[in-house]
Amino acid sequence: MRQALVLIRNRLDRVGVLLSGLCALHCVAGLLLVAGLGLGGGVLFAPEIHRIGLALAIAVGSATLVLGVVRHGDPVPLQVGAAGIGLMGLALFVGHGSAEAVLTILGVGLLAWAHLRNLRHSF
């Protein structure tokens, strides 16, 4: 049973890293396409995309980071991940544009680092 929980947590941490990377890619690519080519602003910067991404990040991040602390006892990934989730949440309130992208990229970067640290504790 314990091994199965560790396996599930590790997979969720990997999904968290993937989601963080996709979110950062979305922000950077969106800014480049809109600013450089004037394309896709209505679709790429749709608030629904950010709300769905934030909901996924909060769900996966919260579950895996809390489970990580319980398993390995290091609170740092949880603290850093919570800061990342906070920045991502703040990004929803600053309006669309470069400030939102910077906050989101910083947030997902912190969250990805926290997931990677959890994975490192697993081996």
C-alpha atoms as a PDB file:
ATOM      1  CA  MET A   1       0.000   0.000   0.000  1.00  0.00           C
ATOM      2  CA  ARG A   2       2.767   2.451   0.965  1.00  0.00           C
ATOM      3  CA  GLN A   3       4.684   1.729  -2.236  1.00  0.00           C
ATOM      4  CA  ALA A   4       1.536   2.371  -4.291  1.00  0.00           C
ATOM      5  CA  LEU A   5       1.047   5.762  -2.619  1.00  0.00           C
ATOM      6  CA  VAL A   6       4.676   6.703  -3.315  1.00  0.00           C
ATOM      7  CA  LEU A   7       4.228   5.709  -6.958  1.00  0.00           C
ATOM      8  CA  ILE A   8       1.053   7.802  -7.267  1.00  0.00           C
ATOM      9  CA  ARG A   9       2.724  10.809  -5.603  1.00  0.00           C
ATOM     10  CA  ASN A  10       5.754  10.526  -7.879  1.00  0.00           C
ATOM     11  CA  ARG A  11       3.528  10.418 -10.943  1.00  0.00           C
ATOM     12  CA  LEU A  12       1.586  13.439  -9.740  1.00  0.00           C
ATOM     13  CA  ASP A  13       4.856  15.323  -9.163  1.00  0.00           C
ATOM     14  CA  ARG A  14       5.873  14.503 -12.740  1.00  0.00           C
ATOM     15  CA  VAL A  15       2.478  15.695 -14.001  1.00  0.00           C
ATOM     16  CA  GLY A  16       2.983  18.870 -11.970  1.00  0.00           C
ATOM     17  CA  VAL A  17       6.339  19.520 -13.620  1.00  0.00           C
ATOM     18  CA  LEU A  18       4.776  18.907 -17.043  1.00  0.00           C
ATOM     19  CA  LEU A  19       1.841  21.250 -16.324  1.00  0.00           C
ATOM     20  CA  SER A  20       4.232  23.924 -15.057  1.00  0.00           C
ATOM     21  CA  GLY A  21       6.312  23.681 -18.213  1.00  0.00           C
ATOM     22  CA  LEU A  22       3.254  23.818 -20.448  1.00  0.00           C
ATOM     23  CA  CYS A  23       1.965  26.849 -18.579  1.00  0.00           C
ATOM     24  CA  ALA A  24       5.282  28.695 -18.959  1.00  0.00           C
ATOM     25  CA  LEU A  25       5.400  27.751 -22.643  1.00  0.00           C
ATOM     26  CA  HIS A  26       1.836  29.010 -23.096  1.00  0.00           C
ATOM     27  CA  CYS A  27       2.731  32.378 -21.548  1.00  0.00           C
ATOM     28  CA  VAL A  28       5.921  32.899 -23.521  1.00  0.00           C
ATOM     29  CA  ALA A  29       4.506  31.644 -26.827  1.00  0.00           C
ATOM     30  CA  GLY A  30       1.344  33.655 -26.316  1.00  0.00           C
ATOM     31  CA  LEU A  31       3.247  36.870 -25.726  1.00  0.00           C
ATOM     32  CA  LEU A  32       5.486  36.257 -28.731  1.00  0.00           C
ATOM     33  CA  LEU A  33       2.608  35.426 -31.067  1.00  0.00           C
ATOM     34  CA  VAL A  34       0.444  38.320 -29.952  1.00  0.00           C
ATOM     35  CA  ALA A  35       3.211  40.934 -29.706  1.00  0.00           C
ATOM     36  CA  GLY A  36       5.236  39.781 -32.696  1.00  0.00           C
ATOM     37  CA  LEU A  37       2.577  38.667 -35.105  1.00  0.00           C
ATOM     38  CA  GLY A  38      -0.663  40.060 -33.722  1.00  0.00           C
ATOM     39  CA  LEU A  39      -2.209  36.591 -33.748  1.00  0.00           C
ATOM     40  CA  GLY A  40      -4.371  34.645 -31.374  1.00  0.00           C
ATOM     41  CA  GLY A  41      -4.792  37.124 -28.525  1.00  0.00           C
ATOM     42  CA  GLY A  42      -8.428  36.251 -27.992  1.00  0.00           C
ATOM     43  CA  VAL A  43      -7.704  32.538 -27.750  1.00  0.00           C
ATOM     44  CA  LEU A  44      -4.260  32.425 -26.125  1.00  0.00           C
ATOM     45  CA  PHE A  45      -5.072  34.913 -23.383  1.00  0.00           C
ATOM     46  CA  ALA A  46      -8.602  33.679 -22.666  1.00  0.00           C
ATOM     47  CA  PRO A  47      -9.287  33.868 -18.910  1.00  0.00           C
ATOM     48  CA  GLU A  48     -10.755  30.351 -18.983  1.00  0.00           C
ATOM     49  CA  ILE A  49      -7.374  28.880 -19.926  1.00  0.00           C
ATOM     50  CA  HIS A  50      -5.752  30.510 -16.912  1.00  0.00           C
ATOM     51  CA  ARG A  51      -8.536  29.496 -14.541  1.00  0.00           C
ATOM     52  CA  ILE A  52      -8.384  25.870 -15.678  1.00  0.00           C
ATOM     53  CA  GLY A  53      -4.577  25.860 -15.484  1.00  0.00           C
ATOM     54  CA  LEU A  54      -4.624  27.376 -12.018  1.00  0.00           C
ATOM     55  CA  ALA A  55      -7.209  24.862 -10.818  1.00  0.00           C
ATOM     56  CA  LEU A  56      -5.076  21.975 -12.108  1.00  0.00           C
ATOM     57  CA  ALA A  57      -1.922  23.458 -10.574  1.00  0.00           C
ATOM     58  CA  ILE A  58      -3.584  23.966  -7.203  1.00  0.00           C
ATOM     59  CA  ALA A  59      -5.046  20.444  -7.173  1.00  0.00           C
ATOM     60  CA  VAL A  60      -1.896  18.617  -8.264  1.00  0.00           C
ATOM     61  CA  GLY A  61       0.447  20.915  -6.341  1.00  0.00           C
ATOM     62  CA  SER A  62      -1.489  20.796  -3.098  1.00  0.00           C
ATOM     63  CA  ALA A  63      -1.874  17.033  -3.115  1.00  0.00           C
ATOM     64  CA  THR A  64       1.695  16.153  -4.011  1.00  0.00           C
ATOM     65  CA  LEU A  65       3.413  18.818  -1.947  1.00  0.00           C
ATOM     66  CA  VAL A  66       1.492  17.928   1.214  1.00  0.00           C
ATOM     67  CA  LEU A  67       2.072  14.210   0.640  1.00  0.00           C
ATOM     68  CA  GLY A  68       5.749  14.957   0.078  1.00  0.00           C
ATOM     69  CA  VAL A  69       6.113  16.684   3.447  1.00  0.00           C
ATOM     70  CA  VAL A  70       4.343  13.796   5.152  1.00  0.00           C
ATOM     71  CA  ARG A  71       6.649  11.300   3.467  1.00  0.00           C
ATOM     72  CA  HIS A  72      10.059  12.961   3.677  1.00  0.00           C
ATOM     73  CA  GLY A  73       9.527  15.611   6.349  1.00  0.00           C
ATOM     74  CA  ASP A  74      11.068  18.498   4.377  1.00  0.00           C
ATOM     75  CA  PRO A  75       8.667  21.477   4.449  1.00  0.00           C
ATOM     76  CA  VAL A  76      10.632  23.513   1.884  1.00  0.00           C
ATOM     77  CA  PRO A  77       8.911  22.095  -1.255  1.00  0.00           C
ATOM     78  CA  LEU A  78       5.513  22.837   0.269  1.00  0.00           C
ATOM     79  CA  GLN A  79       6.539  26.390   1.203  1.00  0.00           C
ATOM     80  CA  VAL A  80       8.080  27.158  -2.187  1.00  0.00           C
ATOM     81  CA  GLY A  81       5.190  25.499  -4.030  1.00  0.00           C
ATOM     82  CA  ALA A  82       2.652  27.503  -2.015  1.00  0.00           C
ATOM     83  CA  ALA A  83       4.493  30.707  -2.941  1.00  0.00           C
ATOM     84  CA  GLY A  84       4.324  29.656  -6.601  1.00  0.00           C
ATOM     85  CA  ILE A  85       0.599  28.961  -6.369  1.00  0.00           C
ATOM     86  CA  GLY A  86       0.168  32.361  -4.704  1.00  0.00           C
ATOM     87  CA  LEU A  87       1.964  34.128  -7.569  1.00  0.00           C
ATOM     88  CA  MET A  88      -0.148  32.272 -10.102  1.00  0.00           C
ATOM     89  CA  GLY A  89      -3.292  33.307  -8.239  1.00  0.00           C
ATOM     90  CA  LEU A  90      -2.113  36.923  -8.144  1.00  0.00           C
ATOM     91  CA  ALA A  91      -1.569  36.790 -11.895  1.00  0.00           C
ATOM     92  CA  LEU A  92      -5.309  36.323 -12.351  1.00  0.00           C
ATOM     93  CA  PHE A  93      -5.975  39.716 -10.758  1.00  0.00           C
ATOM     94  CA  VAL A  94      -3.461  41.945 -12.568  1.00  0.00           C
ATOM     95  CA  GLY A  95      -5.159  41.799 -15.962  1.00  0.00           C
ATOM     96  CA  HIS A  96      -3.849  40.409 -19.194  1.00  0.00           C
ATOM     97  CA  GLY A  97      -0.399  41.423 -20.319  1.00  0.00           C
ATOM     98  CA  SER A  98       3.238  41.234 -19.392  1.00  0.00           C
ATOM     99  CA  ALA A  99       2.720  41.511 -15.606  1.00  0.00           C
ATOM    100  CA  GLU A 100       0.379  38.535 -15.720  1.00  0.00           C
ATOM    101  CA  ALA A 101       2.873  36.528 -17.769  1.00  0.00           C
ATOM    102  CA  VAL A 102       5.784  37.359 -15.454  1.00  0.00           C
ATOM    103  CA  LEU A 103       3.826  36.429 -12.328  1.00  0.00           C
ATOM    104  CA  THR A 104       2.597  33.208 -13.916  1.00  0.00           C
ATOM    105  CA  ILE A 105       6.038  32.177 -15.166  1.00  0.00           C
ATOM    106  CA  LEU A 106       7.620  32.897 -11.777  1.00  0.00           C
ATOM    107  CA  GLY A 107       4.810  30.974 -10.065  1.00  0.00           C
ATOM    108  CA  VAL A 108       5.036  27.910 -12.265  1.00  0.00           C
ATOM    109  CA  GLY A 109       8.821  28.002 -11.971  1.00  0.00           C
ATOM    110  CA  LEU A 110       8.601  27.847  -8.178  1.00  0.00           C
ATOM    111  CA  LEU A 111       5.962  25.136  -8.330  1.00  0.00           C
ATOM    112  CA  ALA A 112       8.016  23.053 -10.780  1.00  0.00           C
ATOM    113  CA  TRP A 113      11.087  23.403  -8.540  1.00  0.00           C
ATOM    114  CA  ALA A 114       9.032  22.185  -5.571  1.00  0.00           C
ATOM    115  CA  HIS A 115       7.807  19.154  -7.540  1.00  0.00           C
ATOM    116  CA  LEU A 116      11.377  18.345  -8.611  1.00  0.00           C
ATOM    117  CA  ARG A 117      12.585  18.607  -5.027  1.00  0.00           C
ATOM    118  CA  ASN A 118       9.840  16.205  -3.945  1.00  0.00           C
ATOM    119  CA  LEU A 119      10.936  13.783  -6.659  1.00  0.00           C
ATOM    120  CA  ARG A 120      14.567  14.046  -5.554  1.00  0.00           C
ATOM    121  CA  HIS A 121      13.544  13.071  -2.010  1.00  0.00           C
ATOM    122  CA  SER A 122      11.875   9.954  -3.418  1.00  0.00           C
ATOM    123  CA  PHE A 123      15.088   8.341  -4.620  1.00  0.00           C
END
